[in-house]
mmCIF file of all heavy atoms, coordinates in Angstrom:
data_MODEL
# 
_entry.id   MODEL 
# 
loop_
_atom_site.group_PDB 
_atom_site.id 
_atom_site.type_symbol 
_atom_site.label_atom_id 
_atom_site.label_alt_id 
_atom_site.label_comp_id 
_atom_site.label_asym_id 
_atom_site.label_entity_id 
_atom_site.label_seq_id 
_atom_site.pdbx_PDB_ins_code 
_atom_site.Cartn_x 
_atom_site.Cartn_y 
_atom_site.Cartn_z 
_atom_site.occupancy 
_atom_site.B_iso_or_equiv 
_atom_site.pdbx_formal_charge 
_atom_site.auth_seq_id 
_atom_site.auth_comp_id 
_atom_site.auth_asym_id 
_atom_site.auth_atom_id 
_atom_site.pdbx_PDB_model_num 
ATOM 1   N N   . HIS A 1 1  ? 0.823  -1.216 0.000  1.00 0.00 ? 1  HIS A N   1 
ATOM 2   C CA  . HIS A 1 1  ? 0.000  0.000  0.000  1.00 0.00 ? 1  HIS A CA  1 
ATOM 3   C C   . HIS A 1 1  ? 0.861  1.271  0.000  1.00 0.00 ? 1  HIS A C   1 
ATOM 4   O O   . HIS A 1 1  ? 0.420  2.319  0.488  1.00 0.00 ? 1  HIS A O   1 
ATOM 5   C CB  . HIS A 1 1  ? -0.927 -0.004 1.223  1.00 0.00 ? 1  HIS A CB  1 
ATOM 6   C CG  . HIS A 1 1  ? -1.904 -1.118 1.199  1.00 0.00 ? 1  HIS A CG  1 
ATOM 7   N ND1 . HIS A 1 1  ? -1.634 -2.358 1.725  1.00 0.00 ? 1  HIS A ND1 1 
ATOM 8   C CD2 . HIS A 1 1  ? -3.157 -1.194 0.683  1.00 0.00 ? 1  HIS A CD2 1 
ATOM 9   C CE1 . HIS A 1 1  ? -2.671 -3.149 1.549  1.00 0.00 ? 1  HIS A CE1 1 
ATOM 10  N NE2 . HIS A 1 1  ? -3.614 -2.467 0.914  1.00 0.00 ? 1  HIS A NE2 1 
ATOM 11  N N   . ILE A 1 2  ? 2.054  1.183  -0.548 1.00 0.00 ? 2  ILE A N   1 
ATOM 12  C CA  . ILE A 1 2  ? 2.989  2.316  -0.480 1.00 0.00 ? 2  ILE A CA  1 
ATOM 13  C C   . ILE A 1 2  ? 2.436  3.565  -1.164 1.00 0.00 ? 2  ILE A C   1 
ATOM 14  O O   . ILE A 1 2  ? 2.737  4.682  -0.746 1.00 0.00 ? 2  ILE A O   1 
ATOM 15  C CB  . ILE A 1 2  ? 4.379  1.926  -1.040 1.00 0.00 ? 2  ILE A CB  1 
ATOM 16  C CG1 . ILE A 1 2  ? 5.448  2.912  -0.575 1.00 0.00 ? 2  ILE A CG1 1 
ATOM 17  C CG2 . ILE A 1 2  ? 4.362  1.798  -2.554 1.00 0.00 ? 2  ILE A CG2 1 
ATOM 18  C CD1 . ILE A 1 2  ? 5.686  2.912  0.915  1.00 0.00 ? 2  ILE A CD1 1 
ATOM 19  N N   . ASN A 1 3  ? 1.589  3.409  -2.173 1.00 0.00 ? 3  ASN A N   1 
ATOM 20  C CA  . ASN A 1 3  ? 1.007  4.585  -2.836 1.00 0.00 ? 3  ASN A CA  1 
ATOM 21  C C   . ASN A 1 3  ? 0.109  5.385  -1.909 1.00 0.00 ? 3  ASN A C   1 
ATOM 22  O O   . ASN A 1 3  ? -0.119 6.568  -2.146 1.00 0.00 ? 3  ASN A O   1 
ATOM 23  C CB  . ASN A 1 3  ? 0.241  4.170  -4.093 1.00 0.00 ? 3  ASN A CB  1 
ATOM 24  C CG  . ASN A 1 3  ? 1.178  3.754  -5.200 1.00 0.00 ? 3  ASN A CG  1 
ATOM 25  O OD1 . ASN A 1 3  ? 2.330  4.172  -5.234 1.00 0.00 ? 3  ASN A OD1 1 
ATOM 26  N ND2 . ASN A 1 3  ? 0.692  2.914  -6.093 1.00 0.00 ? 3  ASN A ND2 1 
ATOM 27  N N   . CYS A 1 4  ? -0.401 4.751  -0.855 1.00 0.00 ? 4  CYS A N   1 
ATOM 28  C CA  . CYS A 1 4  ? -1.217 5.464  0.130  1.00 0.00 ? 4  CYS A CA  1 
ATOM 29  C C   . CYS A 1 4  ? -0.381 6.472  0.930  1.00 0.00 ? 4  CYS A C   1 
ATOM 30  O O   . CYS A 1 4  ? -0.940 7.373  1.564  1.00 0.00 ? 4  CYS A O   1 
ATOM 31  C CB  . CYS A 1 4  ? -1.882 4.480  1.084  1.00 0.00 ? 4  CYS A CB  1 
ATOM 32  S SG  . CYS A 1 4  ? -3.064 3.392  0.286  1.00 0.00 ? 4  CYS A SG  1 
ATOM 33  N N   . PHE A 1 5  ? 0.930  6.316  0.891  1.00 0.00 ? 5  PHE A N   1 
ATOM 34  C CA  . PHE A 1 5  ? 1.823  7.232  1.588  1.00 0.00 ? 5  PHE A CA  1 
ATOM 35  C C   . PHE A 1 5  ? 2.581  8.134  0.615  1.00 0.00 ? 5  PHE A C   1 
ATOM 36  O O   . PHE A 1 5  ? 3.030  9.202  0.984  1.00 0.00 ? 5  PHE A O   1 
ATOM 37  C CB  . PHE A 1 5  ? 2.833  6.444  2.438  1.00 0.00 ? 5  PHE A CB  1 
ATOM 38  C CG  . PHE A 1 5  ? 2.196  5.666  3.544  1.00 0.00 ? 5  PHE A CG  1 
ATOM 39  C CD1 . PHE A 1 5  ? 1.885  4.330  3.382  1.00 0.00 ? 5  PHE A CD1 1 
ATOM 40  C CD2 . PHE A 1 5  ? 1.871  6.274  4.746  1.00 0.00 ? 5  PHE A CD2 1 
ATOM 41  C CE1 . PHE A 1 5  ? 1.275  3.605  4.399  1.00 0.00 ? 5  PHE A CE1 1 
ATOM 42  C CE2 . PHE A 1 5  ? 1.262  5.564  5.764  1.00 0.00 ? 5  PHE A CE2 1 
ATOM 43  C CZ  . PHE A 1 5  ? 0.961  4.221  5.591  1.00 0.00 ? 5  PHE A CZ  1 
ATOM 44  N N   . GLN A 1 6  ? 2.736  7.702  -0.629 1.00 0.00 ? 6  GLN A N   1 
ATOM 45  C CA  . GLN A 1 6  ? 3.525  8.447  -1.604 1.00 0.00 ? 6  GLN A CA  1 
ATOM 46  C C   . GLN A 1 6  ? 2.710  9.302  -2.556 1.00 0.00 ? 6  GLN A C   1 
ATOM 47  O O   . GLN A 1 6  ? 3.221  10.279 -3.071 1.00 0.00 ? 6  GLN A O   1 
ATOM 48  C CB  . GLN A 1 6  ? 4.359  7.479  -2.459 1.00 0.00 ? 6  GLN A CB  1 
ATOM 49  C CG  . GLN A 1 6  ? 5.570  6.929  -1.777 1.00 0.00 ? 6  GLN A CG  1 
ATOM 50  C CD  . GLN A 1 6  ? 6.432  6.133  -2.739 1.00 0.00 ? 6  GLN A CD  1 
ATOM 51  O OE1 . GLN A 1 6  ? 5.964  5.185  -3.359 1.00 0.00 ? 6  GLN A OE1 1 
ATOM 52  N NE2 . GLN A 1 6  ? 7.678  6.516  -2.852 1.00 0.00 ? 6  GLN A NE2 1 
ATOM 53  N N   . GLY A 1 7  ? 1.494  8.932  -2.825 1.00 0.00 ? 7  GLY A N   1 
ATOM 54  C CA  . GLY A 1 7  ? 0.725  9.619  -3.850 1.00 0.00 ? 7  GLY A CA  1 
ATOM 55  C C   . GLY A 1 7  ? 0.339  11.037 -3.470 1.00 0.00 ? 7  GLY A C   1 
ATOM 56  O O   . GLY A 1 7  ? 0.073  11.337 -2.313 1.00 0.00 ? 7  GLY A O   1 
ATOM 57  N N   . GLU A 1 8  ? 0.293  11.890 -4.485 1.00 0.00 ? 8  GLU A N   1 
ATOM 58  C CA  . GLU A 1 8  ? -0.171 13.256 -4.253 1.00 0.00 ? 8  GLU A CA  1 
ATOM 59  C C   . GLU A 1 8  ? -1.613 13.210 -3.791 1.00 0.00 ? 8  GLU A C   1 
ATOM 60  O O   . GLU A 1 8  ? -2.411 12.456 -4.319 1.00 0.00 ? 8  GLU A O   1 
ATOM 61  C CB  . GLU A 1 8  ? -0.053 14.089 -5.528 1.00 0.00 ? 8  GLU A CB  1 
ATOM 62  C CG  . GLU A 1 8  ? 1.233  14.858 -5.604 1.00 0.00 ? 8  GLU A CG  1 
ATOM 63  C CD  . GLU A 1 8  ? 1.220  15.857 -6.739 1.00 0.00 ? 8  GLU A CD  1 
ATOM 64  O OE1 . GLU A 1 8  ? 0.365  16.775 -6.727 1.00 0.00 ? 8  GLU A OE1 1 
ATOM 65  O OE2 . GLU A 1 8  ? 2.074  15.706 -7.610 1.00 0.00 ? 8  GLU A OE2 1 
ATOM 66  N N   . GLY A 1 9  ? -1.941 13.988 -2.783 1.00 0.00 ? 9  GLY A N   1 
ATOM 67  C CA  . GLY A 1 9  ? -3.289 14.011 -2.243 1.00 0.00 ? 9  GLY A CA  1 
ATOM 68  C C   . GLY A 1 9  ? -3.585 12.846 -1.309 1.00 0.00 ? 9  GLY A C   1 
ATOM 69  O O   . GLY A 1 9  ? -4.715 12.690 -0.861 1.00 0.00 ? 9  GLY A O   1 
ATOM 70  N N   . SER A 1 10 ? -2.569 12.051 -0.994 1.00 0.00 ? 10 SER A N   1 
ATOM 71  C CA  . SER A 1 10 ? -2.773 10.870 -0.146 1.00 0.00 ? 10 SER A CA  1 
ATOM 72  C C   . SER A 1 10 ? -2.765 11.191 1.344  1.00 0.00 ? 10 SER A C   1 
ATOM 73  O O   . SER A 1 10 ? -3.139 10.347 2.139  1.00 0.00 ? 10 SER A O   1 
ATOM 74  C CB  . SER A 1 10 ? -1.679 9.839  -0.428 1.00 0.00 ? 10 SER A CB  1 
ATOM 75  O OG  . SER A 1 10 ? -0.413 10.337 -0.003 1.00 0.00 ? 10 SER A OG  1 
ATOM 76  N N   . HIS A 1 11 ? -2.320 12.378 1.712  1.00 0.00 ? 11 HIS A N   1 
ATOM 77  C CA  . HIS A 1 11 ? -2.155 12.746 3.122  1.00 0.00 ? 11 HIS A CA  1 
ATOM 78  C C   . HIS A 1 11 ? -1.170 11.787 3.802  1.00 0.00 ? 11 HIS A C   1 
ATOM 79  O O   . HIS A 1 11 ? -1.326 11.432 4.973  1.00 0.00 ? 11 HIS A O   1 
ATOM 80  C CB  . HIS A 1 11 ? -3.485 12.723 3.887  1.00 0.00 ? 11 HIS A CB  1 
ATOM 81  C CG  . HIS A 1 11 ? -4.558 13.556 3.281  1.00 0.00 ? 11 HIS A CG  1 
ATOM 82  N ND1 . HIS A 1 11 ? -4.504 14.926 3.243  1.00 0.00 ? 11 HIS A ND1 1 
ATOM 83  C CD2 . HIS A 1 11 ? -5.726 13.212 2.679  1.00 0.00 ? 11 HIS A CD2 1 
ATOM 84  C CE1 . HIS A 1 11 ? -5.591 15.391 2.654  1.00 0.00 ? 11 HIS A CE1 1 
ATOM 85  N NE2 . HIS A 1 11 ? -6.336 14.372 2.297  1.00 0.00 ? 11 HIS A NE2 1 
ATOM 86  N N   . GLY A 1 12 ? -0.155 11.348 3.055  1.00 0.00 ? 12 GLY A N   1 
ATOM 87  C CA  . GLY A 1 12 ? 0.767  10.320 3.526  1.00 0.00 ? 12 GLY A CA  1 
ATOM 88  C C   . GLY A 1 12 ? 1.452  10.615 4.840  1.00 0.00 ? 12 GLY A C   1 
ATOM 89  O O   . GLY A 1 12 ? 1.598  9.721  5.681  1.00 0.00 ? 12 GLY A O   1 
ATOM 90  N N   . VAL A 1 13 ? 1.864  11.852 5.053  1.00 0.00 ? 13 VAL A N   1 
ATOM 91  C CA  . VAL A 1 13 ? 2.560  12.195 6.299  1.00 0.00 ? 13 VAL A CA  1 
ATOM 92  C C   . VAL A 1 13 ? 1.585  12.164 7.477  1.00 0.00 ? 13 VAL A C   1 
ATOM 93  O O   . VAL A 1 13 ? 1.927  11.681 8.555  1.00 0.00 ? 13 VAL A O   1 
ATOM 94  C CB  . VAL A 1 13 ? 3.279  13.556 6.185  1.00 0.00 ? 13 VAL A CB  1 
ATOM 95  C CG1 . VAL A 1 13 ? 3.893  13.969 7.509  1.00 0.00 ? 13 VAL A CG1 1 
ATOM 96  C CG2 . VAL A 1 13 ? 4.372  13.483 5.111  1.00 0.00 ? 13 VAL A CG2 1 
ATOM 97  N N   . ILE A 1 14 ? 0.364  12.623 7.274  1.00 0.00 ? 14 ILE A N   1 
ATOM 98  C CA  . ILE A 1 14 ? -0.638 12.579 8.337  1.00 0.00 ? 14 ILE A CA  1 
ATOM 99  C C   . ILE A 1 14 ? -0.975 11.124 8.675  1.00 0.00 ? 14 ILE A C   1 
ATOM 100 O O   . ILE A 1 14 ? -1.081 10.762 9.851  1.00 0.00 ? 14 ILE A O   1 
ATOM 101 C CB  . ILE A 1 14 ? -1.916 13.356 7.954  1.00 0.00 ? 14 ILE A CB  1 
ATOM 102 C CG1 . ILE A 1 14 ? -1.619 14.847 7.805  1.00 0.00 ? 14 ILE A CG1 1 
ATOM 103 C CG2 . ILE A 1 14 ? -3.015 13.140 8.994  1.00 0.00 ? 14 ILE A CG2 1 
ATOM 104 C CD1 . ILE A 1 14 ? -2.784 15.660 7.264  1.00 0.00 ? 14 ILE A CD1 1 
ATOM 105 N N   . LEU A 1 15 ? -1.135 10.288 7.660  1.00 0.00 ? 15 LEU A N   1 
ATOM 106 C CA  . LEU A 1 15 ? -1.414 8.870  7.897  1.00 0.00 ? 15 LEU A CA  1 
ATOM 107 C C   . LEU A 1 15 ? -0.296 8.227  8.705  1.00 0.00 ? 15 LEU A C   1 
ATOM 108 O O   . LEU A 1 15 ? -0.541 7.434  9.611  1.00 0.00 ? 15 LEU A O   1 
ATOM 109 C CB  . LEU A 1 15 ? -1.594 8.123  6.578  1.00 0.00 ? 15 LEU A CB  1 
ATOM 110 C CG  . LEU A 1 15 ? -2.898 8.354  5.849  1.00 0.00 ? 15 LEU A CG  1 
ATOM 111 C CD1 . LEU A 1 15 ? -2.880 7.636  4.506  1.00 0.00 ? 15 LEU A CD1 1 
ATOM 112 C CD2 . LEU A 1 15 ? -4.072 7.905  6.687  1.00 0.00 ? 15 LEU A CD2 1 
ATOM 113 N N   . PHE A 1 16 ? 0.938  8.574  8.379  1.00 0.00 ? 16 PHE A N   1 
ATOM 114 C CA  . PHE A 1 16 ? 2.067  8.025  9.125  1.00 0.00 ? 16 PHE A CA  1 
ATOM 115 C C   . PHE A 1 16 ? 2.077  8.534  10.566 1.00 0.00 ? 16 PHE A C   1 
ATOM 116 O O   . PHE A 1 16 ? 2.327  7.782  11.501 1.00 0.00 ? 16 PHE A O   1 
ATOM 117 C CB  . PHE A 1 16 ? 3.390  8.356  8.429  1.00 0.00 ? 16 PHE A CB  1 
ATOM 118 C CG  . PHE A 1 16 ? 4.575  7.801  9.134  1.00 0.00 ? 16 PHE A CG  1 
ATOM 119 C CD1 . PHE A 1 16 ? 4.751  6.437  9.293  1.00 0.00 ? 16 PHE A CD1 1 
ATOM 120 C CD2 . PHE A 1 16 ? 5.528  8.653  9.668  1.00 0.00 ? 16 PHE A CD2 1 
ATOM 121 C CE1 . PHE A 1 16 ? 5.847  5.916  9.960  1.00 0.00 ? 16 PHE A CE1 1 
ATOM 122 C CE2 . PHE A 1 16 ? 6.633  8.143  10.332 1.00 0.00 ? 16 PHE A CE2 1 
ATOM 123 C CZ  . PHE A 1 16 ? 6.791  6.779  10.481 1.00 0.00 ? 16 PHE A CZ  1 
ATOM 124 N N   . LEU A 1 17 ? 1.748  9.813  10.762 1.00 0.00 ? 17 LEU A N   1 
ATOM 125 C CA  . LEU A 1 17 ? 1.678  10.371 12.114 1.00 0.00 ? 17 LEU A CA  1 
ATOM 126 C C   . LEU A 1 17 ? 0.610  9.651  12.937 1.00 0.00 ? 17 LEU A C   1 
ATOM 127 O O   . LEU A 1 17 ? 0.856  9.251  14.081 1.00 0.00 ? 17 LEU A O   1 
ATOM 128 C CB  . LEU A 1 17 ? 1.392  11.871 12.059 1.00 0.00 ? 17 LEU A CB  1 
ATOM 129 C CG  . LEU A 1 17 ? 1.250  12.587 13.401 1.00 0.00 ? 17 LEU A CG  1 
ATOM 130 C CD1 . LEU A 1 17 ? 2.539  12.478 14.212 1.00 0.00 ? 17 LEU A CD1 1 
ATOM 131 C CD2 . LEU A 1 17 ? 0.892  14.050 13.182 1.00 0.00 ? 17 LEU A CD2 1 
ATOM 132 N N   . TYR A 1 18 ? -0.575 9.445  12.358 1.00 0.00 ? 18 TYR A N   1 
ATOM 133 C CA  . TYR A 1 18 ? -1.623 8.682  13.043 1.00 0.00 ? 18 TYR A CA  1 
ATOM 134 C C   . TYR A 1 18 ? -1.128 7.265  13.349 1.00 0.00 ? 18 TYR A C   1 
ATOM 135 O O   . TYR A 1 18 ? -1.374 6.735  14.430 1.00 0.00 ? 18 TYR A O   1 
ATOM 136 C CB  . TYR A 1 18 ? -2.892 8.603  12.191 1.00 0.00 ? 18 TYR A CB  1 
ATOM 137 C CG  . TYR A 1 18 ? -3.850 9.752  12.374 1.00 0.00 ? 18 TYR A CG  1 
ATOM 138 C CD1 . TYR A 1 18 ? -4.131 10.626 11.327 1.00 0.00 ? 18 TYR A CD1 1 
ATOM 139 C CD2 . TYR A 1 18 ? -4.527 9.943  13.574 1.00 0.00 ? 18 TYR A CD2 1 
ATOM 140 C CE1 . TYR A 1 18 ? -5.027 11.664 11.474 1.00 0.00 ? 18 TYR A CE1 1 
ATOM 141 C CE2 . TYR A 1 18 ? -5.429 10.978 13.728 1.00 0.00 ? 18 TYR A CE2 1 
ATOM 142 C CZ  . TYR A 1 18 ? -5.680 11.840 12.679 1.00 0.00 ? 18 TYR A CZ  1 
ATOM 143 O OH  . TYR A 1 18 ? -6.562 12.861 12.830 1.00 0.00 ? 18 TYR A OH  1 
ATOM 144 N N   . SER A 1 19 ? -0.462 6.641  12.406 1.00 0.00 ? 19 SER A N   1 
ATOM 145 C CA  . SER A 1 19 ? 0.060  5.286  12.599 1.00 0.00 ? 19 SER A CA  1 
ATOM 146 C C   . SER A 1 19 ? 1.042  5.246  13.766 1.00 0.00 ? 19 SER A C   1 
ATOM 147 O O   . SER A 1 19 ? 1.023  4.308  14.577 1.00 0.00 ? 19 SER A O   1 
ATOM 148 C CB  . SER A 1 19 ? 0.738  4.789  11.324 1.00 0.00 ? 19 SER A CB  1 
ATOM 149 O OG  . SER A 1 19 ? -0.164 4.715  10.249 1.00 0.00 ? 19 SER A OG  1 
ATOM 150 N N   . LEU A 1 20 ? 1.891  6.259  13.851 1.00 0.00 ? 20 LEU A N   1 
ATOM 151 C CA  . LEU A 1 20 ? 2.832  6.339  14.974 1.00 0.00 ? 20 LEU A CA  1 
ATOM 152 C C   . LEU A 1 20 ? 2.101  6.424  16.307 1.00 0.00 ? 20 LEU A C   1 
ATOM 153 O O   . LEU A 1 20 ? 2.440  5.722  17.266 1.00 0.00 ? 20 LEU A O   1 
ATOM 154 C CB  . LEU A 1 20 ? 3.744  7.562  14.831 1.00 0.00 ? 20 LEU A CB  1 
ATOM 155 C CG  . LEU A 1 20 ? 4.950  7.445  13.942 1.00 0.00 ? 20 LEU A CG  1 
ATOM 156 C CD1 . LEU A 1 20 ? 5.606  8.803  13.751 1.00 0.00 ? 20 LEU A CD1 1 
ATOM 157 C CD2 . LEU A 1 20 ? 5.944  6.449  14.501 1.00 0.00 ? 20 LEU A CD2 1 
ATOM 158 N N   . LEU A 1 21 ? 1.110  7.280  16.362 1.00 0.00 ? 21 LEU A N   1 
ATOM 159 C CA  . LEU A 1 21 ? 0.358  7.462  17.608 1.00 0.00 ? 21 LEU A CA  1 
ATOM 160 C C   . LEU A 1 21 ? -0.359 6.182  18.017 1.00 0.00 ? 21 LEU A C   1 
ATOM 161 O O   . LEU A 1 21 ? -0.315 5.784  19.187 1.00 0.00 ? 21 LEU A O   1 
ATOM 162 C CB  . LEU A 1 21 ? -0.646 8.604  17.468 1.00 0.00 ? 21 LEU A CB  1 
ATOM 163 C CG  . LEU A 1 21 ? -0.044 9.995  17.310 1.00 0.00 ? 21 LEU A CG  1 
ATOM 164 C CD1 . LEU A 1 21 ? -1.112 11.012 16.960 1.00 0.00 ? 21 LEU A CD1 1 
ATOM 165 C CD2 . LEU A 1 21 ? 0.697  10.408 18.565 1.00 0.00 ? 21 LEU A CD2 1 
ATOM 166 N N   . PHE A 1 22 ? -1.003 5.520  17.071 1.00 0.00 ? 22 PHE A N   1 
ATOM 167 C CA  . PHE A 1 22 ? -1.717 4.289  17.399 1.00 0.00 ? 22 PHE A CA  1 
ATOM 168 C C   . PHE A 1 22 ? -0.761 3.130  17.682 1.00 0.00 ? 22 PHE A C   1 
ATOM 169 O O   . PHE A 1 22 ? -1.086 2.245  18.468 1.00 0.00 ? 22 PHE A O   1 
ATOM 170 C CB  . PHE A 1 22 ? -2.709 3.917  16.294 1.00 0.00 ? 22 PHE A CB  1 
ATOM 171 C CG  . PHE A 1 22 ? -3.959 4.742  16.332 1.00 0.00 ? 22 PHE A CG  1 
ATOM 172 C CD1 . PHE A 1 22 ? -4.223 5.672  15.340 1.00 0.00 ? 22 PHE A CD1 1 
ATOM 173 C CD2 . PHE A 1 22 ? -4.884 4.596  17.356 1.00 0.00 ? 22 PHE A CD2 1 
ATOM 174 C CE1 . PHE A 1 22 ? -5.375 6.448  15.369 1.00 0.00 ? 22 PHE A CE1 1 
ATOM 175 C CE2 . PHE A 1 22 ? -6.037 5.351  17.400 1.00 0.00 ? 22 PHE A CE2 1 
ATOM 176 C CZ  . PHE A 1 22 ? -6.293 6.281  16.407 1.00 0.00 ? 22 PHE A CZ  1 
ATOM 177 N N   . SER A 1 23 ? 0.408  3.134  17.061 1.00 0.00 ? 23 SER A N   1 
ATOM 178 C CA  . SER A 1 23 ? 1.402  2.088  17.363 1.00 0.00 ? 23 SER A CA  1 
ATOM 179 C C   . SER A 1 23 ? 1.939  2.248  18.769 1.00 0.00 ? 23 SER A C   1 
ATOM 180 O O   . SER A 1 23 ? 2.170  1.276  19.485 1.00 0.00 ? 23 SER A O   1 
ATOM 181 C CB  . SER A 1 23 ? 2.558  2.135  16.362 1.00 0.00 ? 23 SER A CB  1 
ATOM 182 O OG  . SER A 1 23 ? 2.140  1.746  15.075 1.00 0.00 ? 23 SER A OG  1 
ATOM 183 N N   . ARG A 1 24 ? 2.129  3.482  19.169 1.00 0.00 ? 24 ARG A N   1 
ATOM 184 C CA  . ARG A 1 24 ? 2.693  3.777  20.496 1.00 0.00 ? 24 ARG A CA  1 
ATOM 185 C C   . ARG A 1 24 ? 1.683  3.492  21.590 1.00 0.00 ? 24 ARG A C   1 
ATOM 186 O O   . ARG A 1 24 ? 2.083  3.166  22.710 1.00 0.00 ? 24 ARG A O   1 
ATOM 187 C CB  . ARG A 1 24 ? 3.125  5.250  20.538 1.00 0.00 ? 24 ARG A CB  1 
ATOM 188 C CG  . ARG A 1 24 ? 3.784  5.682  21.800 1.00 0.00 ? 24 ARG A CG  1 
ATOM 189 C CD  . ARG A 1 24 ? 5.145  5.066  21.935 1.00 0.00 ? 24 ARG A CD  1 
ATOM 190 N NE  . ARG A 1 24 ? 5.738  5.540  23.171 1.00 0.00 ? 24 ARG A NE  1 
ATOM 191 C CZ  . ARG A 1 24 ? 6.769  4.996  23.727 1.00 0.00 ? 24 ARG A CZ  1 
ATOM 192 N NH1 . ARG A 1 24 ? 7.356  3.981  23.158 1.00 0.00 ? 24 ARG A NH1 1 
ATOM 193 N NH2 . ARG A 1 24 ? 7.236  5.455  24.842 1.00 0.00 ? 24 ARG A NH2 1 
# 
């Protein structure tokens, strides 16, 4: 699902930030 983080308009950095918070 790498395009969910790389694609324009994907909000990839926000998704990763949420992922970090939920992982922690």
